[in-house]
C-alpha atoms as a PDB file:
ATOM      1  CA  MET A   1     325.281 115.683 112.903  1.00  0.00           C
ATOM      2  CA  ASN A   2     327.488 119.047 112.782  1.00  0.00           C
ATOM      3  CA  LYS A   3     325.612 122.374 111.696  1.00  0.00           C
ATOM      4  CA  GLY A   4     327.531 122.029 107.902  1.00  0.00           C
ATOM      5  CA  VAL A   5     325.596 119.025 107.067  1.00  0.00           C
ATOM      6  CA  ALA A   6     322.525 119.831 108.755  1.00  0.00           C
ATOM      7  CA  MET A   7     322.325 123.047 106.744  1.00  0.00           C
ATOM      8  CA  LEU A   8     323.031 121.202 103.419  1.00  0.00           C
ATOM      9  CA  ILE A   9     320.255 118.744 104.224  1.00  0.00           C
ATOM     10  CA  MET A  10     318.185 121.925 104.749  1.00  0.00           C
ATOM     11  CA  VAL A  11     318.838 123.188 101.539  1.00  0.00           C
ATOM     12  CA  LEU A  12     318.604 120.472  99.378  1.00  0.00           C
ATOM     13  CA  GLY A  13     315.511 119.647 101.112  1.00  0.00           C
ATOM     14  CA  VAL A  14     314.067 122.706  99.724  1.00  0.00           C
ATOM     15  CA  SER A  15     315.428 122.483  96.626  1.00  0.00           C
ATOM     16  CA  MET A  16     313.943 118.759  96.164  1.00  0.00           C
ATOM     17  CA  SER A  17     310.734 120.687  97.307  1.00  0.00           C
ATOM     18  CA  VAL A  18     311.012 123.364  94.602  1.00  0.00           C
ATOM     19  CA  PHE A  19     312.053 120.869  91.714  1.00  0.00           C
ATOM     20  CA  SER A  20     308.916 118.463  92.652  1.00  0.00           C
ATOM     21  CA  GLN A  21     306.474 121.177  92.307  1.00  0.00           C
ATOM     22  CA  ARG A  22     308.004 122.362  88.862  1.00  0.00           C
ATOM     23  CA  GLY A  23     306.421 119.319  87.453  1.00  0.00           C
ATOM     24  CA  ARG A  24     303.420 119.669  89.339  1.00  0.00           C
ATOM     25  CA  VAL A  25     300.637 120.824  87.042  1.00  0.00           C
ATOM     26  CA  TYR A  26     297.665 122.567  88.922  1.00  0.00           C
ATOM     27  CA  THR A  27     294.000 122.205  87.318  1.00  0.00           C
ATOM     28  CA  SER A  28     291.770 124.421  89.691  1.00  0.00           C
ATOM     29  CA  LEU A  29     292.663 127.542  92.080  1.00  0.00           C
ATOM     30  CA  GLU A  30     291.088 125.881  95.015  1.00  0.00           C
ATOM     31  CA  GLU A  31     294.215 123.581  95.496  1.00  0.00           C
ATOM     32  CA  ILE A  32     296.642 126.129  95.433  1.00  0.00           C
ATOM     33  CA  THR A  33     297.977 126.611  98.787  1.00  0.00           C
ATOM     34  CA  GLU A  34     301.138 128.139  98.216  1.00  0.00           C
ATOM     35  CA  PRO A  35     300.941 130.430  95.375  1.00  0.00           C
ATOM     36  CA  ASP A  36     304.886 130.562  95.175  1.00  0.00           C
ATOM     37  CA  SER A  37     305.377 126.986  94.271  1.00  0.00           C
ATOM     38  CA  VAL A  38     302.893 127.028  91.317  1.00  0.00           C
ATOM     39  CA  TYR A  39     304.701 127.123  88.011  1.00  0.00           C
ATOM     40  CA  CYS A  40     302.096 125.191  85.755  1.00  0.00           C
ATOM     41  CA  LEU A  41     298.218 126.002  85.963  1.00  0.00           C
ATOM     42  CA  THR A  42     295.900 124.573  83.457  1.00  0.00           C
ATOM     43  CA  LEU A  43     292.266 126.085  83.758  1.00  0.00           C
ATOM     44  CA  LYS A  44     290.643 124.787  80.325  1.00  0.00           C
ATOM     45  CA  HIS A  45     287.331 124.053  79.883  1.00  0.00           C
ATOM     46  CA  LYS A  46     286.093 125.723  83.198  1.00  0.00           C
ATOM     47  CA  ARG A  47     283.374 128.045  81.509  1.00  0.00           C
ATOM     48  CA  LEU A  48     285.585 130.941  82.953  1.00  0.00           C
ATOM     49  CA  LYS A  49     283.711 134.376  81.684  1.00  0.00           C
ATOM     50  CA  THR A  50     286.890 136.691  83.040  1.00  0.00           C
ATOM     51  CA  PHE A  51     289.996 136.084  83.881  1.00  0.00           C
ATOM     52  CA  PRO A  52     290.712 134.842  87.174  1.00  0.00           C
ATOM     53  CA  GLU A  53     292.370 137.690  89.261  1.00  0.00           C
ATOM     54  CA  GLN A  54     294.061 135.132  91.932  1.00  0.00           C
ATOM     55  CA  ILE A  55     296.423 134.105  89.204  1.00  0.00           C
ATOM     56  CA  LEU A  56     297.883 137.162  89.106  1.00  0.00           C
ATOM     57  CA  GLN A  57     299.368 136.229  92.386  1.00  0.00           C
ATOM     58  CA  LEU A  58     301.098 133.189  91.153  1.00  0.00           C
ATOM     59  CA  ARG A  59     304.753 135.222  91.039  1.00  0.00           C
ATOM     60  CA  ASN A  60     306.599 132.226  89.538  1.00  0.00           C
ATOM     61  CA  LEU A  61     304.205 130.742  87.182  1.00  0.00           C
ATOM     62  CA  GLU A  62     305.555 129.738  83.579  1.00  0.00           C
ATOM     63  CA  ARG A  63     302.834 128.012  82.065  1.00  0.00           C
ATOM     64  CA  LEU A  64     299.123 129.278  81.764  1.00  0.00           C
ATOM     65  CA  ASP A  65     296.460 127.328  79.854  1.00  0.00           C
ATOM     66  CA  LEU A  66     293.595 129.393  79.624  1.00  0.00           C
ATOM     67  CA  SER A  67     292.122 127.506  76.931  1.00  0.00           C
ATOM     68  CA  TRP A  68     288.284 126.500  75.930  1.00  0.00           C
ATOM     69  CA  ASN A  69     286.526 129.321  78.431  1.00  0.00           C
ATOM     70  CA  ARG A  70     284.285 132.378  77.277  1.00  0.00           C
ATOM     71  CA  MET A  71     286.631 135.124  78.548  1.00  0.00           C
ATOM     72  CA  HIS A  72     285.955 138.203  76.334  1.00  0.00           C
ATOM     73  CA  THR A  73     288.836 140.353  78.082  1.00  0.00           C
ATOM     74  CA  LEU A  74     292.484 140.053  79.543  1.00  0.00           C
ATOM     75  CA  PRO A  75     293.265 142.482  82.487  1.00  0.00           C
ATOM     76  CA  PRO A  76     296.153 144.809  81.319  1.00  0.00           C
ATOM     77  CA  GLU A  77     298.125 143.273  84.675  1.00  0.00           C
ATOM     78  CA  ILE A  78     298.687 140.240  82.587  1.00  0.00           C
ATOM     79  CA  GLY A  79     301.601 142.497  81.736  1.00  0.00           C
ATOM     80  CA  THR A  80     302.767 141.968  85.516  1.00  0.00           C
ATOM     81  CA  MET A  81     303.352 137.816  85.011  1.00  0.00           C
ATOM     82  CA  HIS A  82     306.903 138.192  84.112  1.00  0.00           C
ATOM     83  CA  ASN A  83     307.630 134.412  84.352  1.00  0.00           C
ATOM     84  CA  LEU A  84     305.439 133.259  81.501  1.00  0.00           C
ATOM     85  CA  THR A  85     306.685 131.260  79.272  1.00  0.00           C
ATOM     86  CA  TYR A  86     303.793 129.846  77.379  1.00  0.00           C
ATOM     87  CA  LEU A  87     300.374 131.277  77.632  1.00  0.00           C
ATOM     88  CA  ASN A  88     297.139 129.540  75.826  1.00  0.00           C
ATOM     89  CA  LEU A  89     294.117 131.160  75.243  1.00  0.00           C
ATOM     90  CA  ASN A  90     292.743 129.300  72.395  1.00  0.00           C
ATOM     91  CA  HIS A  91     289.040 129.174  72.039  1.00  0.00           C
ATOM     92  CA  ASN A  92     287.774 131.830  74.160  1.00  0.00           C
ATOM     93  CA  ARG A  93     286.061 134.750  73.099  1.00  0.00           C
ATOM     94  CA  LEU A  94     288.686 137.626  73.246  1.00  0.00           C
ATOM     95  CA  ASP A  95     288.051 140.552  70.838  1.00  0.00           C
ATOM     96  CA  SER A  96     291.594 142.436  71.662  1.00  0.00           C
ATOM     97  CA  VAL A  97     294.786 141.480  73.589  1.00  0.00           C
ATOM     98  CA  PRO A  98     296.098 144.419  75.855  1.00  0.00           C
ATOM     99  CA  LYS A  99     299.420 146.258  75.319  1.00  0.00           C
ATOM    100  CA  GLU A 100     300.741 145.001  78.266  1.00  0.00           C
ATOM    101  CA  ILE A 101     300.976 141.879  76.619  1.00  0.00           C
ATOM    102  CA  ALA A 102     304.431 142.734  75.581  1.00  0.00           C
ATOM    103  CA  TYR A 103     305.504 143.080  79.196  1.00  0.00           C
ATOM    104  CA  LEU A 104     305.706 139.369  79.155  1.00  0.00           C
ATOM    105  CA  GLN A 105     309.559 139.352  77.901  1.00  0.00           C
ATOM    106  CA  LYS A 106     309.978 135.386  78.478  1.00  0.00           C
ATOM    107  CA  LEU A 107     307.195 134.590  76.947  1.00  0.00           C
ATOM    108  CA  SER A 108     308.157 132.002  74.161  1.00  0.00           C
ATOM    109  CA  THR A 109     304.712 130.745  72.764  1.00  0.00           C
ATOM    110  CA  LEU A 110     301.362 133.064  72.714  1.00  0.00           C
ATOM    111  CA  VAL A 111     298.167 130.860  71.350  1.00  0.00           C
ATOM    112  CA  LEU A 112     295.424 133.067  70.695  1.00  0.00           C
ATOM    113  CA  SER A 113     293.776 130.833  68.253  1.00  0.00           C
ATOM    114  CA  ARG A 114     289.611 130.842  67.776  1.00  0.00           C
ATOM    115  CA  ASN A 115     289.132 133.969  69.207  1.00  0.00           C
ATOM    116  CA  ARG A 116     287.392 137.328  67.704  1.00  0.00           C
ATOM    117  CA  ILE A 117     290.921 139.217  67.637  1.00  0.00           C
ATOM    118  CA  LEU A 118     290.991 141.767  64.771  1.00  0.00           C
ATOM    119  CA  GLU A 119     294.249 143.229  65.625  1.00  0.00           C
ATOM    120  CA  LEU A 120     297.422 143.174  67.611  1.00  0.00           C
ATOM    121  CA  PRO A 121     298.975 145.826  69.778  1.00  0.00           C
ATOM    122  CA  ALA A 122     302.220 147.003  68.073  1.00  0.00           C
ATOM    123  CA  GLU A 123     304.030 146.327  71.523  1.00  0.00           C
ATOM    124  CA  MET A 124     304.227 142.877  70.749  1.00  0.00           C
ATOM    125  CA  GLY A 125     306.745 143.414  68.285  1.00  0.00           C
ATOM    126  CA  ASN A 126     309.140 144.071  71.454  1.00  0.00           C
ATOM    127  CA  MET A 127     308.775 140.636  72.715  1.00  0.00           C
ATOM    128  CA  PRO A 128     312.420 139.095  72.218  1.00  0.00           C
ATOM    129  CA  ASN A 129     311.628 135.396  73.017  1.00  0.00           C
ATOM    130  CA  LEU A 130     308.447 135.112  71.163  1.00  0.00           C
ATOM    131  CA  ARG A 131     308.961 131.756  69.044  1.00  0.00           C
ATOM    132  CA  GLU A 132     305.232 130.706  68.162  1.00  0.00           C
ATOM    133  CA  LEU A 133     302.380 133.062  67.574  1.00  0.00           C
ATOM    134  CA  LEU A 134     299.422 130.797  66.629  1.00  0.00           C
ATOM    135  CA  MET A 135     296.378 132.994  65.651  1.00  0.00           C
ATOM    136  CA  LEU A 136     294.326 130.295  63.913  1.00  0.00           C
ATOM    137  CA  SER A 137     290.654 131.660  63.025  1.00  0.00           C
ATOM    138  CA  ASN A 138     290.512 135.452  64.011  1.00  0.00           C
ATOM    139  CA  GLY A 139     289.707 138.432  62.445  1.00  0.00           C
ATOM    140  CA  ILE A 140     293.359 139.367  61.516  1.00  0.00           C
ATOM    141  CA  LYS A 141     294.392 140.996  58.124  1.00  0.00           C
ATOM    142  CA  LYS A 142     297.598 142.786  58.682  1.00  0.00           C
ATOM    143  CA  MET A 143     300.328 142.573  61.359  1.00  0.00           C
ATOM    144  CA  PRO A 144     301.790 145.646  63.173  1.00  0.00           C
ATOM    145  CA  ASP A 145     305.033 147.008  61.289  1.00  0.00           C
ATOM    146  CA  SER A 146     306.751 146.609  64.756  1.00  0.00           C
ATOM    147  CA  PHE A 147     306.448 142.850  64.151  1.00  0.00           C
ATOM    148  CA  ARG A 148     309.338 143.437  61.846  1.00  0.00           C
ATOM    149  CA  GLN A 149     311.868 143.158  64.987  1.00  0.00           C
ATOM    150  CA  LEU A 150     310.071 139.808  65.770  1.00  0.00           C
ATOM    151  CA  ASP A 151     311.850 138.084  61.974  1.00  0.00           C
ATOM    152  CA  ASN A 152     315.017 136.766  63.644  1.00  0.00           C
ATOM    153  CA  THR A 153     313.040 134.909  67.033  1.00  0.00           C
ATOM    154  CA  LEU A 154     309.643 134.420  65.941  1.00  0.00           C
ATOM    155  CA  GLN A 155     309.724 130.685  64.194  1.00  0.00           C
ATOM    156  CA  ILE A 156     306.409 130.039  63.630  1.00  0.00           C
ATOM    157  CA  ILE A 157     302.984 132.165  63.079  1.00  0.00           C
ATOM    158  CA  ASP A 158     300.056 130.521  62.555  1.00  0.00           C
ATOM    159  CA  LEU A 159     297.590 132.635  60.379  1.00  0.00           C
ATOM    160  CA  ARG A 160     295.316 130.137  58.679  1.00  0.00           C
ATOM    161  CA  ALA A 161     291.502 130.835  58.640  1.00  0.00           C
ATOM    162  CA  ASN A 162     291.706 134.857  59.144  1.00  0.00           C
ATOM    163  CA  PRO A 163     290.195 136.994  56.409  1.00  0.00           C
ATOM    164  CA  LEU A 164     293.869 137.712  54.614  1.00  0.00           C
ATOM    165  CA  THR A 165     293.778 138.787  50.749  1.00  0.00           C
ATOM    166  CA  TYR A 166     296.465 137.836  49.094  1.00  0.00           C
ATOM    167  CA  ASP A 167     297.909 141.139  49.124  1.00  0.00           C
ATOM    168  CA  ASP A 168     297.623 140.839  52.851  1.00  0.00           C
ATOM    169  CA  GLN A 169     299.545 137.700  52.918  1.00  0.00           C
ATOM    170  CA  LEU A 170     302.189 139.062  50.545  1.00  0.00           C
ATOM    171  CA  ASP A 171     302.728 142.349  53.118  1.00  0.00           C
ATOM    172  CA  ILE A 172     303.208 139.545  55.996  1.00  0.00           C
ATOM    173  CA  LYS A 173     305.728 137.616  54.082  1.00  0.00           C
ATOM    174  CA  ASP A 174     307.691 140.911  53.564  1.00  0.00           C
ATOM    175  CA  LEU A 175     307.313 142.032  57.098  1.00  0.00           C
ATOM    176  CA  LEU A 176     308.482 138.578  58.631  1.00  0.00           C
ATOM    177  CA  PRO A 177     310.601 136.663  55.733  1.00  0.00           C
ATOM    178  CA  THR A 178     312.413 134.391  57.900  1.00  0.00           C
ATOM    179  CA  PRO A 179     309.468 132.585  60.414  1.00  0.00           C
ATOM    180  CA  LYS A 180     307.373 129.729  58.918  1.00  0.00           C
ATOM    181  CA  LYS A 181     304.059 131.043  58.170  1.00  0.00           C
ATOM    182  CA  LYS A 182     300.697 129.003  57.992  1.00  0.00           C
ATOM    183  CA  MET A 183     298.214 130.839  55.901  1.00  0.00           C
ATOM    184  CA  THR A 184     295.051 129.877  54.182  1.00  0.00           C
ATOM    185  CA  ARG A 185     295.884 129.659  50.530  1.00  0.00           C
ATOM    186  CA  VAL A 186     294.049 132.610  48.453  1.00  0.00           C
ATOM    187  CA  CYS A 187     294.039 132.876  44.893  1.00  0.00           C
ATOM    188  CA  ASN A 188     295.416 136.453  43.236  1.00  0.00           C
ATOM    189  CA  CYS A 189     292.790 135.529  40.619  1.00  0.00           C
ATOM    190  CA  GLN A 190     291.592 138.653  38.046  1.00  0.00           C
END
């Protein structure tokens, strides 16, 4: 076999290996032997109280699901996970989101439902690929003015079961007229 064919087989072998790893969903940190080959990690229902620092070493991670845990905070270092496109933090005990989350420029879906979040950092208005922001059942009453920048990219924002008054909802509709909004109906009854 000549060197060119051998090189092509080697390159294709590496490419096929990377391709097959992209389809694998890791469900525990213990099963990870090659951190650079992890693209999808699901650690839901693991009773995690803190964000596992080992996740920050997964430089190619694109999808991270940490739903149904008991985490109270996210480290600011979450912003170093530049390849994330999907982040699910549903059903935790988060009361805030670090401003560094805005460094996740590829993030298209952010699920923060069923936490204790009262407000979002203004920096999140600078997330150019954010398409879905799911905030069902938190303590949100208003969105930062910087979210106006998301109007053309954000497609869905779910704010159902948040303590929004009728006027709060009008303010959000004015701030984000384009995306589909899901909000609990409230009456402007006098």
